[in-house]
């Protein structure tokens, strides 16, 4: 689904990302973590086609990200809302069908798909409520529903649980995990390493370079720790501690 080869990107003369290689398929729940300023969100924007690589190649479904945008769902970290604008949750979700509008109007099928997406994320009962009246967690569910409504095959999320309480974070990750198991690719940037490790099957640690950790099985990870390697990050520290406690 996603192939990145020898990717580099920088602002002015400073490289933010250098020599990035990544291979991803929709069966995986990929979490991108790393220090502030390490290039996590920049990498996500490159995969979305918002930014253009300085060198290297990014392919989604074998094509440029800009050529397959209809297969991509994006949930940014922050979406500003005009408190005076009386838009409903259902209307927000239907925006995911905007490219399918005919003569400026949504069809009955568009509304049906929007309601279906709201059902999937568990807030169909809030369809007619104003989006501004929702809690942070409920609003994130609405934005995920909007991405699903576009018939996306992969969802990209930039810190989807920022400013949400612990219970709300768990609910969002549980939802994303279910979506992934249903066949939708999940790629997210996370500031919460512990939460990401608990749900992800692969974790990419990004700090200018990228190191991929396959954490799907305990045995594979323990074998990795026993090998000689120069990289040792928060992911390995946390997983090593967890493995020792279970042993």
Protein backbone atom coordinates (compact mmCIF):
# COMPACT_ATOMS: atom_id res chain seq x y z
CA UNK A 1 0.00 0.00 0.00
CA UNK A 2 2.81 2.44 0.89
CA UNK A 3 6.41 2.33 -0.32
CA UNK A 4 8.99 4.97 0.66
CA UNK A 5 12.51 4.76 -0.75
CA UNK A 6 15.52 6.90 0.23
CA UNK A 7 13.33 9.86 1.17
CA UNK A 8 14.86 13.15 2.26
CA UNK A 9 13.15 16.43 3.09
CA UNK A 10 14.29 19.71 4.58
CA UNK A 11 13.48 23.35 5.14
CA UNK A 12 16.01 25.76 3.63
CA UNK A 13 19.41 24.07 4.10
CA UNK A 14 18.43 21.94 7.09
CA UNK A 15 17.39 18.31 6.64
CA UNK A 16 14.39 17.24 8.71
CA UNK A 17 14.23 13.72 7.28
CA UNK A 18 17.12 11.82 5.72
CA UNK A 19 17.32 8.38 4.09
CA UNK A 20 13.81 7.28 5.05
CA UNK A 21 12.71 3.82 3.90
CA UNK A 22 9.36 2.31 4.78
CA UNK A 23 7.10 -0.47 3.53
CA UNK A 24 3.50 -0.74 4.74
CA UNK A 25 0.38 -2.76 3.96
CA UNK A 26 -3.21 -2.39 5.16
CA UNK A 27 -2.99 -5.30 7.60
CA UNK A 28 -0.71 -3.26 9.83
CA UNK A 29 -1.51 -0.69 12.48
CA UNK A 30 1.45 1.68 12.12
CA UNK A 31 2.27 4.24 14.81
CA UNK A 32 4.86 6.94 14.07
CA UNK A 33 6.55 8.24 17.21
CA UNK A 34 9.66 10.22 18.10
CA UNK A 35 10.90 13.42 19.77
CA UNK A 36 9.39 16.84 19.14
CA UNK A 37 10.86 18.25 15.94
CA UNK A 38 12.00 14.80 14.82
CA UNK A 39 9.94 14.89 11.63
CA UNK A 40 6.85 12.78 12.51
CA UNK A 41 4.18 15.15 11.18
CA UNK A 42 6.41 16.11 8.25
CA UNK A 43 6.63 12.46 7.22
CA UNK A 44 2.85 12.14 7.44
CA UNK A 45 2.37 15.22 5.24
CA UNK A 46 4.80 13.79 2.70
CA UNK A 47 2.81 10.54 2.56
CA UNK A 48 -0.36 12.57 2.04
CA UNK A 49 1.18 14.52 -0.82
CA UNK A 50 0.88 17.84 1.04
CA UNK A 51 4.66 18.21 0.90
CA UNK A 52 7.03 17.19 -1.91
CA UNK A 53 10.21 15.19 -1.14
CA UNK A 54 13.58 16.82 -1.68
CA UNK A 55 14.79 13.45 -2.94
CA UNK A 56 13.59 9.85 -2.96
CA UNK A 57 10.21 8.37 -3.77
CA UNK A 58 6.82 7.85 -2.14
CA UNK A 59 4.26 5.52 -3.67
CA UNK A 60 0.72 4.84 -2.48
CA UNK A 61 -0.98 1.99 -4.30
CA UNK A 62 1.89 2.21 -6.80
CA UNK A 63 1.23 5.87 -7.63
CA UNK A 64 2.00 9.38 -6.42
CA UNK A 65 -0.01 10.34 -3.29
CA UNK A 66 -1.69 13.18 -5.22
CA UNK A 67 -3.01 10.68 -7.79
CA UNK A 68 -4.74 8.44 -5.23
CA UNK A 69 -6.22 11.00 -2.82
CA UNK A 70 -9.66 9.41 -3.19
CA UNK A 71 -8.34 6.33 -1.35
CA UNK A 72 -6.91 8.38 1.53
CA UNK A 73 -8.69 9.56 4.67
CA UNK A 74 -6.99 12.26 6.75
CA UNK A 75 -7.74 13.34 10.32
CA UNK A 76 -5.51 16.31 11.28
CA UNK A 77 -4.48 17.12 14.83
CA UNK A 78 -6.56 20.27 15.06
CA UNK A 79 -9.59 21.41 13.07
CA UNK A 80 -10.77 24.97 13.86
CA UNK A 81 -14.53 25.38 14.30
CA UNK A 82 -16.57 28.54 13.91
CA UNK A 83 -18.74 28.46 17.03
CA UNK A 84 -21.33 30.65 15.36
CA UNK A 85 -21.77 28.34 12.37
CA UNK A 86 -24.64 25.88 13.06
CA UNK A 87 -23.28 22.83 11.24
CA UNK A 88 -24.46 19.41 12.41
CA UNK A 89 -22.40 16.27 12.96
CA UNK A 90 -24.10 14.60 9.98
CA UNK A 91 -23.25 17.54 7.72
CA UNK A 92 -19.61 17.39 8.80
CA UNK A 93 -19.43 13.67 8.02
CA UNK A 94 -21.10 14.15 4.65
CA UNK A 95 -18.20 16.42 3.65
CA UNK A 96 -16.36 13.17 3.06
CA UNK A 97 -18.65 12.72 0.05
CA UNK A 98 -18.08 16.20 -1.36
CA UNK A 99 -16.40 14.90 -4.50
CA UNK A 100 -19.53 12.86 -5.23
CA UNK A 101 -21.99 15.78 -5.05
CA UNK A 102 -24.16 16.33 -8.12
CA UNK A 103 -25.28 19.82 -9.06
CA UNK A 104 -24.18 21.03 -5.64
CA UNK A 105 -26.34 18.58 -3.67
CA UNK A 106 -25.73 15.39 -1.73
CA UNK A 107 -27.77 12.34 -2.73
CA UNK A 108 -29.81 10.01 -0.53
CA UNK A 109 -26.99 7.51 -0.84
CA UNK A 110 -24.49 10.08 0.44
CA UNK A 111 -26.62 10.57 3.54
CA UNK A 112 -26.96 6.81 3.94
CA UNK A 113 -23.17 6.36 3.80
CA UNK A 114 -22.65 9.17 6.30
CA UNK A 115 -25.10 7.59 8.75
CA UNK A 116 -23.39 4.23 8.24
CA UNK A 117 -20.01 5.80 9.09
CA UNK A 118 -21.46 7.38 12.22
CA UNK A 119 -22.83 3.98 13.22
CA UNK A 120 -19.38 2.43 12.79
CA UNK A 121 -17.71 5.00 15.07
CA UNK A 122 -20.52 4.74 17.62
CA UNK A 123 -22.10 8.20 17.55
CA UNK A 124 -25.07 7.82 15.20
CA UNK A 125 -27.30 9.14 18.00
CA UNK A 126 -25.46 12.48 17.73
CA UNK A 127 -26.05 12.91 13.98
CA UNK A 128 -28.26 15.99 14.30
CA UNK A 129 -26.34 17.66 17.13
CA UNK A 130 -24.17 20.68 16.37
CA UNK A 131 -20.53 19.64 16.02
CA UNK A 132 -19.44 22.33 18.50
CA UNK A 133 -21.54 20.68 21.21
CA UNK A 134 -19.54 17.44 21.11
CA UNK A 135 -16.74 16.53 23.49
CA UNK A 136 -13.19 16.24 22.15
CA UNK A 137 -13.41 12.45 21.86
CA UNK A 138 -16.82 12.56 20.16
CA UNK A 139 -15.57 15.17 17.72
CA UNK A 140 -12.60 12.98 16.78
CA UNK A 141 -15.02 10.13 16.11
CA UNK A 142 -17.00 12.42 13.81
CA UNK A 143 -13.84 13.33 11.88
CA UNK A 144 -12.91 9.65 11.60
CA UNK A 145 -16.44 8.99 10.30
CA UNK A 146 -15.93 11.74 7.71
CA UNK A 147 -12.75 10.02 6.53
CA UNK A 148 -14.54 6.65 6.37
CA UNK A 149 -17.41 8.23 4.44
CA UNK A 150 -15.02 8.98 1.59
CA UNK A 151 -14.49 5.21 1.07
CA UNK A 152 -10.87 5.56 2.17
CA UNK A 153 -8.69 2.45 2.14
CA UNK A 154 -6.17 3.93 4.56
CA UNK A 155 -6.58 6.49 7.35
CA UNK A 156 -3.79 8.92 8.24
CA UNK A 157 -4.17 10.54 11.66
CA UNK A 158 -1.98 13.22 13.23
CA UNK A 159 -2.06 12.81 17.04
CA UNK A 160 -5.78 11.92 17.12
CA UNK A 161 -5.92 11.71 20.92
CA UNK A 162 -4.24 15.03 21.76
CA UNK A 163 -6.19 16.94 24.45
CA UNK A 164 -8.49 13.95 25.11
CA UNK A 165 -8.73 12.29 28.53
CA UNK A 166 -7.35 8.79 29.11
CA UNK A 167 -10.69 7.03 28.71
CA UNK A 168 -11.35 8.88 25.46
CA UNK A 169 -7.88 7.98 24.18
CA UNK A 170 -8.47 4.29 24.83
CA UNK A 171 -11.84 4.44 23.05
CA UNK A 172 -10.27 6.09 19.98
CA UNK A 173 -7.46 3.51 19.83
CA UNK A 174 -9.95 0.67 20.28
CA UNK A 175 -12.00 2.07 17.39
CA UNK A 176 -8.93 2.39 15.15
CA UNK A 177 -7.87 -1.15 16.02
CA UNK A 178 -11.31 -2.49 15.00
CA UNK A 179 -11.17 -0.55 11.74
CA UNK A 180 -7.73 -1.98 11.02
CA UNK A 181 -8.93 -5.52 11.63
CA UNK A 182 -11.81 -4.88 9.22
CA UNK A 183 -9.31 -4.16 6.43
CA UNK A 184 -8.67 -0.41 6.65
CA UNK A 185 -5.07 0.70 6.92
CA UNK A 186 -4.17 2.83 9.94
CA UNK A 187 -1.15 5.15 10.01
CA UNK A 188 -0.97 7.61 12.88
CA UNK A 189 1.43 10.01 14.53
CA UNK A 190 1.31 9.67 18.30
CA UNK A 191 2.79 11.59 21.23
CA UNK A 192 1.82 8.80 23.64
CA UNK A 193 4.36 6.01 23.24
CA UNK A 194 2.76 3.66 25.77
CA UNK A 195 -0.67 3.90 24.13
CA UNK A 196 0.75 3.49 20.63
CA UNK A 197 2.79 0.42 21.58
CA UNK A 198 -0.23 -1.24 23.16
CA UNK A 199 -2.31 -1.08 19.97
CA UNK A 200 0.13 -0.85 17.05
CA UNK A 201 1.61 -3.85 15.27
CA UNK A 202 4.50 -1.75 13.97
CA UNK A 203 6.11 1.37 15.39
CA UNK A 204 8.30 3.72 13.36
CA UNK A 205 10.65 5.78 15.50
CA UNK A 206 11.43 8.99 13.61
CA UNK A 207 14.21 11.38 14.57
CA UNK A 208 15.54 12.57 11.20
CA UNK A 209 16.11 8.90 10.35
CA UNK A 210 13.55 6.11 10.70
CA UNK A 211 13.88 2.83 12.58
CA UNK A 212 11.01 0.34 12.28
CA UNK A 213 10.01 -1.88 15.19
CA UNK A 214 7.86 -4.95 14.60
CA UNK A 215 6.13 -5.46 17.94
CA UNK A 216 3.42 -7.86 16.83
CA UNK A 217 5.04 -10.80 18.60
CA UNK A 218 7.10 -10.96 21.77
CA UNK A 219 9.53 -13.54 20.36
CA UNK A 220 10.49 -11.37 17.37
CA UNK A 221 11.15 -8.41 19.61
CA UNK A 222 13.28 -10.37 22.08
CA UNK A 223 15.38 -11.70 19.19
CA UNK A 224 15.84 -8.11 18.01
CA UNK A 225 17.08 -6.99 21.45
CA UNK A 226 19.70 -9.75 21.54
CA UNK A 227 21.18 -8.64 18.22
CA UNK A 228 23.93 -6.05 17.99
CA UNK A 229 22.44 -2.72 16.94
CA UNK A 230 23.32 0.94 17.46
CA UNK A 231 19.74 2.19 17.79
CA UNK A 232 18.15 2.06 21.24
CA UNK A 233 15.06 4.24 21.73
CA UNK A 234 12.05 4.65 24.02
CA UNK A 235 10.22 1.86 22.16
CA UNK A 236 12.88 -0.67 23.03
CA UNK A 237 13.15 0.51 26.64
CA UNK A 238 9.40 0.17 27.22
CA UNK A 239 9.06 -3.18 25.45
CA UNK A 240 12.11 -4.60 27.20
CA UNK A 241 10.61 -3.65 30.58
CA UNK A 242 7.25 -5.18 29.62
CA UNK A 243 8.95 -8.39 28.41
CA UNK A 244 10.92 -8.71 31.65
CA UNK A 245 7.76 -8.34 33.74
CA UNK A 246 5.99 -11.07 31.75
CA UNK A 247 8.94 -13.48 31.90
